[in-house]
Amino acid sequence: MKNIRDYYPDKYCTEGVKCVANGIYEYEGIFFTSLSFEQEPEFGEHEDSSDISQRPLEDILRKYDVYVQDYYEDYSLIGSAESYLEFAADSMDKIKALREIVGKHVYIGENDELVIE
């Protein structure tokens, strides 16, 4: 995964959704953030956003104890390089930690381990 950036969907501008920190939102006790990124076939990831690779995604979910709340299917098109996901958790600290990957390069290294640089 590369070119990891913030994504701000219109749904965050609805009643009841609160911005609690930079890029972090809360609704009814669930904290969430949305990110866009590009997959890297040269690291074993899929070609386009219509098919998001399980790795390194599953590794990220485990490391930060978060889950995917929305896949933004309307934006995940065949042939499109950019993928969009909304990540959620039961605490702001988990989402805040996850957001450390913004601007980083995330991939599965030679030892089959998650690498964030």
N, C-alpha and C. Protein backbone atom coordinates (compact mmCIF):
# COMPACT_ATOMS: atom_id res chain seq x y z
N MET A 1 0.85 -1.17 0.00
CA MET A 1 0.00 0.00 0.00
C MET A 1 0.90 1.23 0.00
N LYS A 2 0.56 2.13 -0.87
CA LYS A 2 1.32 3.37 -0.93
C LYS A 2 0.36 4.53 -1.14
N ASN A 3 0.91 5.73 -1.05
CA ASN A 3 0.10 6.95 -1.21
C ASN A 3 -1.12 6.93 -0.28
N ILE A 4 -0.91 6.57 0.96
CA ILE A 4 -2.00 6.50 1.95
C ILE A 4 -2.32 7.93 2.38
N ARG A 5 -3.60 8.30 2.16
CA ARG A 5 -4.05 9.67 2.44
C ARG A 5 -5.40 9.67 3.15
N ASP A 6 -5.70 10.81 3.73
CA ASP A 6 -7.02 11.03 4.32
C ASP A 6 -8.07 11.07 3.23
N TYR A 7 -9.25 10.58 3.56
CA TYR A 7 -10.40 10.72 2.68
C TYR A 7 -11.55 11.21 3.56
N TYR A 8 -12.23 12.26 3.10
CA TYR A 8 -13.32 12.86 3.88
C TYR A 8 -14.64 12.73 3.11
N PRO A 9 -15.39 11.66 3.36
CA PRO A 9 -16.66 11.48 2.64
C PRO A 9 -17.74 12.44 3.12
N ASP A 10 -18.69 12.70 2.26
CA ASP A 10 -19.81 13.59 2.61
C ASP A 10 -20.60 13.08 3.80
N LYS A 11 -20.64 11.79 4.01
CA LYS A 11 -21.44 11.25 5.11
C LYS A 11 -20.95 11.72 6.48
N TYR A 12 -19.72 12.23 6.56
CA TYR A 12 -19.21 12.75 7.82
C TYR A 12 -19.81 14.11 8.16
N CYS A 13 -20.53 14.70 7.24
CA CYS A 13 -21.17 15.99 7.45
C CYS A 13 -22.65 15.83 7.78
N THR A 14 -23.00 14.74 8.42
CA THR A 14 -24.40 14.50 8.77
C THR A 14 -24.61 14.67 10.27
N GLU A 15 -25.85 14.85 10.63
CA GLU A 15 -26.21 15.06 12.03
C GLU A 15 -25.77 13.89 12.90
N GLY A 16 -25.17 14.20 14.02
CA GLY A 16 -24.75 13.20 14.99
C GLY A 16 -23.30 12.77 14.84
N VAL A 17 -22.69 13.00 13.68
CA VAL A 17 -21.29 12.64 13.48
C VAL A 17 -20.43 13.80 14.00
N LYS A 18 -19.52 13.48 14.93
CA LYS A 18 -18.68 14.51 15.54
C LYS A 18 -17.23 14.32 15.12
N CYS A 19 -16.58 15.40 14.77
CA CYS A 19 -15.14 15.38 14.52
C CYS A 19 -14.48 15.52 15.90
N VAL A 20 -13.74 14.48 16.34
CA VAL A 20 -13.16 14.50 17.68
C VAL A 20 -11.65 14.75 17.66
N ALA A 21 -11.03 14.65 16.50
CA ALA A 21 -9.60 14.94 16.31
C ALA A 21 -9.37 15.03 14.81
N ASN A 22 -8.20 15.44 14.41
CA ASN A 22 -7.88 15.57 13.01
C ASN A 22 -8.10 14.24 12.27
N GLY A 23 -9.12 14.19 11.41
CA GLY A 23 -9.40 13.00 10.62
C GLY A 23 -10.10 11.88 11.37
N ILE A 24 -10.47 12.10 12.62
CA ILE A 24 -11.13 11.08 13.44
C ILE A 24 -12.53 11.56 13.80
N TYR A 25 -13.49 10.68 13.59
CA TYR A 25 -14.89 11.01 13.81
C TYR A 25 -15.51 10.00 14.77
N GLU A 26 -16.62 10.42 15.39
CA GLU A 26 -17.31 9.55 16.34
C GLU A 26 -18.80 9.63 16.10
N TYR A 27 -19.46 8.48 16.20
CA TYR A 27 -20.91 8.41 16.10
C TYR A 27 -21.37 7.26 16.99
N GLU A 28 -22.18 7.59 17.98
CA GLU A 28 -22.75 6.59 18.90
C GLU A 28 -21.69 5.66 19.49
N GLY A 29 -20.57 6.25 19.91
CA GLY A 29 -19.53 5.48 20.60
C GLY A 29 -18.57 4.71 19.71
N ILE A 30 -18.72 4.83 18.40
CA ILE A 30 -17.81 4.20 17.45
C ILE A 30 -16.93 5.30 16.84
N PHE A 31 -15.64 5.06 16.81
CA PHE A 31 -14.69 6.01 16.26
C PHE A 31 -14.24 5.51 14.90
N PHE A 32 -14.05 6.42 13.94
CA PHE A 32 -13.71 5.99 12.59
C PHE A 32 -12.91 7.05 11.84
N THR A 33 -12.25 6.58 10.80
CA THR A 33 -11.50 7.43 9.88
C THR A 33 -11.53 6.77 8.52
N SER A 34 -11.42 7.55 7.47
CA SER A 34 -11.39 6.99 6.11
C SER A 34 -10.06 7.35 5.46
N LEU A 35 -9.52 6.36 4.74
CA LEU A 35 -8.24 6.53 4.07
C LEU A 35 -8.34 6.05 2.64
N SER A 36 -7.54 6.66 1.78
CA SER A 36 -7.39 6.17 0.42
C SER A 36 -5.95 5.70 0.27
N PHE A 37 -5.74 4.76 -0.67
CA PHE A 37 -4.40 4.22 -0.89
C PHE A 37 -4.36 3.52 -2.23
N GLU A 38 -3.17 3.22 -2.68
CA GLU A 38 -2.97 2.45 -3.90
C GLU A 38 -2.33 1.12 -3.53
N GLN A 39 -2.78 0.06 -4.19
CA GLN A 39 -2.19 -1.25 -3.98
C GLN A 39 -0.94 -1.38 -4.85
N GLU A 40 -0.09 -2.31 -4.49
CA GLU A 40 1.18 -2.49 -5.20
C GLU A 40 1.34 -3.94 -5.66
N PRO A 41 1.03 -4.22 -6.92
CA PRO A 41 1.18 -5.58 -7.43
C PRO A 41 2.59 -6.15 -7.26
N GLU A 42 3.59 -5.28 -7.30
CA GLU A 42 4.96 -5.75 -7.14
C GLU A 42 5.25 -6.30 -5.73
N PHE A 43 4.34 -6.03 -4.78
CA PHE A 43 4.43 -6.58 -3.44
C PHE A 43 3.36 -7.65 -3.21
N GLY A 44 2.81 -8.19 -4.29
CA GLY A 44 1.83 -9.27 -4.19
C GLY A 44 0.40 -8.79 -3.98
N GLU A 45 0.16 -7.49 -4.08
CA GLU A 45 -1.20 -6.97 -3.93
C GLU A 45 -1.89 -6.96 -5.29
N HIS A 46 -3.20 -6.79 -5.26
CA HIS A 46 -3.97 -6.82 -6.50
C HIS A 46 -3.76 -5.57 -7.34
N GLU A 47 -4.22 -5.66 -8.57
CA GLU A 47 -4.02 -4.60 -9.57
C GLU A 47 -4.86 -3.34 -9.34
N ASP A 48 -6.13 -3.51 -8.94
CA ASP A 48 -7.00 -2.33 -8.86
C ASP A 48 -7.90 -2.37 -7.63
N SER A 49 -8.63 -1.29 -7.44
CA SER A 49 -9.40 -1.10 -6.22
C SER A 49 -10.65 -1.96 -6.13
N SER A 50 -11.05 -2.61 -7.21
CA SER A 50 -12.24 -3.45 -7.14
C SER A 50 -11.97 -4.75 -6.38
N ASP A 51 -10.71 -5.04 -6.10
CA ASP A 51 -10.31 -6.28 -5.42
C ASP A 51 -9.17 -5.96 -4.46
N ILE A 52 -9.51 -5.55 -3.24
CA ILE A 52 -8.50 -5.18 -2.26
C ILE A 52 -7.86 -6.44 -1.69
N SER A 53 -6.55 -6.48 -1.71
CA SER A 53 -5.79 -7.63 -1.21
C SER A 53 -5.99 -7.81 0.29
N GLN A 54 -6.06 -9.06 0.70
CA GLN A 54 -6.23 -9.36 2.12
C GLN A 54 -4.99 -8.97 2.93
N ARG A 55 -3.85 -9.06 2.29
CA ARG A 55 -2.62 -8.65 2.95
C ARG A 55 -2.01 -7.50 2.16
N PRO A 56 -1.64 -6.45 2.78
CA PRO A 56 -1.41 -6.27 4.20
C PRO A 56 -2.62 -5.80 5.01
N LEU A 57 -3.81 -5.71 4.38
CA LEU A 57 -4.98 -5.20 5.09
C LEU A 57 -5.26 -5.94 6.39
N GLU A 58 -5.31 -7.27 6.36
CA GLU A 58 -5.60 -8.04 7.58
C GLU A 58 -4.55 -7.79 8.66
N ASP A 59 -3.30 -7.64 8.24
CA ASP A 59 -2.23 -7.38 9.20
C ASP A 59 -2.42 -6.02 9.88
N ILE A 60 -2.85 -5.03 9.11
CA ILE A 60 -3.13 -3.70 9.66
C ILE A 60 -4.28 -3.78 10.66
N LEU A 61 -5.34 -4.50 10.28
CA LEU A 61 -6.50 -4.62 11.17
C LEU A 61 -6.10 -5.25 12.51
N ARG A 62 -5.27 -6.30 12.44
CA ARG A 62 -4.82 -6.96 13.68
C ARG A 62 -3.90 -6.05 14.50
N LYS A 63 -2.93 -5.43 13.84
CA LYS A 63 -1.95 -4.60 14.55
C LYS A 63 -2.62 -3.47 15.32
N TYR A 64 -3.59 -2.82 14.71
CA TYR A 64 -4.21 -1.66 15.33
C TYR A 64 -5.55 -1.97 16.00
N ASP A 65 -5.99 -3.22 15.95
CA ASP A 65 -7.25 -3.65 16.57
C ASP A 65 -8.42 -2.80 16.08
N VAL A 66 -8.52 -2.69 14.74
CA VAL A 66 -9.60 -1.95 14.09
C VAL A 66 -10.29 -2.89 13.10
N TYR A 67 -11.39 -2.42 12.53
CA TYR A 67 -12.09 -3.20 11.51
C TYR A 67 -12.52 -2.27 10.38
N VAL A 68 -12.84 -2.87 9.24
CA VAL A 68 -13.33 -2.09 8.10
C VAL A 68 -14.83 -1.93 8.26
N GLN A 69 -15.28 -0.68 8.29
CA GLN A 69 -16.70 -0.39 8.44
C GLN A 69 -17.37 -0.09 7.10
N ASP A 70 -16.61 0.45 6.15
CA ASP A 70 -17.19 0.76 4.84
C ASP A 70 -16.11 0.58 3.78
N TYR A 71 -16.51 -0.08 2.67
CA TYR A 71 -15.59 -0.33 1.55
C TYR A 71 -15.73 0.71 0.45
N TYR A 72 -16.67 1.63 0.56
CA TYR A 72 -16.91 2.64 -0.47
C TYR A 72 -16.95 2.01 -1.86
N GLU A 73 -17.83 1.06 -2.01
CA GLU A 73 -17.92 0.30 -3.26
C GLU A 73 -18.15 1.18 -4.49
N ASP A 74 -18.81 2.32 -4.32
CA ASP A 74 -19.05 3.20 -5.46
C ASP A 74 -17.76 3.77 -6.04
N TYR A 75 -16.72 3.81 -5.22
CA TYR A 75 -15.43 4.35 -5.67
C TYR A 75 -14.42 3.27 -6.05
N SER A 76 -14.70 2.04 -5.66
CA SER A 76 -13.78 0.92 -5.92
C SER A 76 -14.12 0.31 -7.26
N LEU A 77 -13.55 0.85 -8.30
CA LEU A 77 -13.90 0.47 -9.66
C LEU A 77 -12.80 -0.37 -10.31
N ILE A 78 -13.21 -1.25 -11.20
CA ILE A 78 -12.24 -2.02 -11.97
C ILE A 78 -11.39 -1.05 -12.77
N GLY A 79 -10.10 -1.22 -12.70
CA GLY A 79 -9.18 -0.35 -13.42
C GLY A 79 -8.74 0.88 -12.65
N SER A 80 -9.37 1.16 -11.52
CA SER A 80 -8.98 2.31 -10.70
C SER A 80 -7.87 1.90 -9.74
N ALA A 81 -6.85 2.70 -9.64
CA ALA A 81 -5.72 2.38 -8.77
C ALA A 81 -6.02 2.74 -7.30
N GLU A 82 -6.86 3.73 -7.07
CA GLU A 82 -7.08 4.22 -5.72
C GLU A 82 -8.22 3.48 -5.03
N SER A 83 -7.94 2.98 -3.83
CA SER A 83 -8.92 2.29 -3.00
C SER A 83 -9.30 3.18 -1.83
N TYR A 84 -10.51 2.99 -1.32
CA TYR A 84 -11.02 3.78 -0.21
C TYR A 84 -11.61 2.84 0.83
N LEU A 85 -11.22 3.04 2.10
CA LEU A 85 -11.77 2.23 3.18
C LEU A 85 -12.03 3.11 4.39
N GLU A 86 -13.09 2.75 5.13
CA GLU A 86 -13.35 3.39 6.41
C GLU A 86 -13.00 2.38 7.49
N PHE A 87 -12.13 2.79 8.40
CA PHE A 87 -11.70 1.95 9.51
C PHE A 87 -12.41 2.43 10.77
N ALA A 88 -12.80 1.48 11.63
CA ALA A 88 -13.51 1.84 12.86
C ALA A 88 -12.98 1.03 14.04
N ALA A 89 -13.25 1.56 15.23
CA ALA A 89 -12.84 0.89 16.47
C ALA A 89 -13.68 1.44 17.62
N ASP A 90 -13.55 0.79 18.76
CA ASP A 90 -14.30 1.20 19.94
C ASP A 90 -13.58 2.27 20.76
N SER A 91 -12.38 2.69 20.30
CA SER A 91 -11.69 3.75 21.03
C SER A 91 -10.97 4.69 20.06
N MET A 92 -10.89 5.94 20.47
CA MET A 92 -10.21 6.93 19.65
C MET A 92 -8.72 6.61 19.57
N ASP A 93 -8.13 6.07 20.62
CA ASP A 93 -6.70 5.77 20.62
C ASP A 93 -6.33 4.75 19.54
N LYS A 94 -7.19 3.78 19.29
CA LYS A 94 -6.91 2.78 18.25
C LYS A 94 -6.90 3.44 16.86
N ILE A 95 -7.86 4.32 16.63
CA ILE A 95 -7.93 5.01 15.34
C ILE A 95 -6.76 5.98 15.21
N LYS A 96 -6.43 6.65 16.29
CA LYS A 96 -5.29 7.57 16.27
C LYS A 96 -4.00 6.82 15.93
N ALA A 97 -3.81 5.65 16.51
CA ALA A 97 -2.63 4.83 16.21
C ALA A 97 -2.63 4.39 14.75
N LEU A 98 -3.78 3.95 14.25
CA LEU A 98 -3.89 3.54 12.85
C LEU A 98 -3.49 4.66 11.91
N ARG A 99 -3.88 5.87 12.23
CA ARG A 99 -3.60 7.01 11.35
C ARG A 99 -2.11 7.30 11.21
N GLU A 100 -1.28 6.64 11.98
CA GLU A 100 0.17 6.78 11.82
C GLU A 100 0.64 6.24 10.47
N ILE A 101 -0.18 5.44 9.78
CA ILE A 101 0.22 4.91 8.46
C ILE A 101 0.01 5.93 7.35
N VAL A 102 -0.70 7.03 7.62
CA VAL A 102 -0.92 8.05 6.59
C VAL A 102 0.44 8.58 6.13
N GLY A 103 0.63 8.57 4.82
CA GLY A 103 1.88 9.05 4.24
C GLY A 103 3.00 8.02 4.24
N LYS A 104 2.73 6.82 4.75
CA LYS A 104 3.76 5.78 4.83
C LYS A 104 3.59 4.75 3.72
N HIS A 105 4.57 3.89 3.62
CA HIS A 105 4.54 2.74 2.71
C HIS A 105 4.33 1.51 3.58
N VAL A 106 3.28 0.73 3.29
CA VAL A 106 2.94 -0.43 4.10
C VAL A 106 2.91 -1.66 3.19
N TYR A 107 3.65 -2.69 3.58
CA TYR A 107 3.70 -3.90 2.76
C TYR A 107 4.12 -5.10 3.60
N ILE A 108 4.04 -6.28 3.02
CA ILE A 108 4.49 -7.51 3.66
C ILE A 108 5.93 -7.74 3.22
N GLY A 109 6.83 -7.79 4.20
CA GLY A 109 8.25 -7.94 3.92
C GLY A 109 8.66 -9.38 3.65
N GLU A 110 9.96 -9.55 3.45
CA GLU A 110 10.52 -10.87 3.11
C GLU A 110 10.25 -11.92 4.17
N ASN A 111 10.18 -11.53 5.43
CA ASN A 111 9.93 -12.48 6.51
C ASN A 111 8.44 -12.66 6.79
N ASP A 112 7.60 -12.28 5.82
CA ASP A 112 6.15 -12.40 5.95
C ASP A 112 5.60 -11.56 7.10
N GLU A 113 6.27 -10.44 7.37
CA GLU A 113 5.84 -9.55 8.44
C GLU A 113 5.43 -8.19 7.88
N LEU A 114 4.53 -7.54 8.59
CA LEU A 114 4.07 -6.22 8.21
C LEU A 114 5.21 -5.21 8.36
N VAL A 115 5.45 -4.45 7.29
CA VAL A 115 6.49 -3.40 7.30
C VAL A 115 5.80 -2.06 7.08
N ILE A 116 6.11 -1.08 7.92
CA ILE A 116 5.58 0.27 7.80
C ILE A 116 6.77 1.21 7.78
N GLU A 117 6.97 1.89 6.64
CA GLU A 117 8.10 2.82 6.54
C GLU A 117 7.71 4.09 5.81
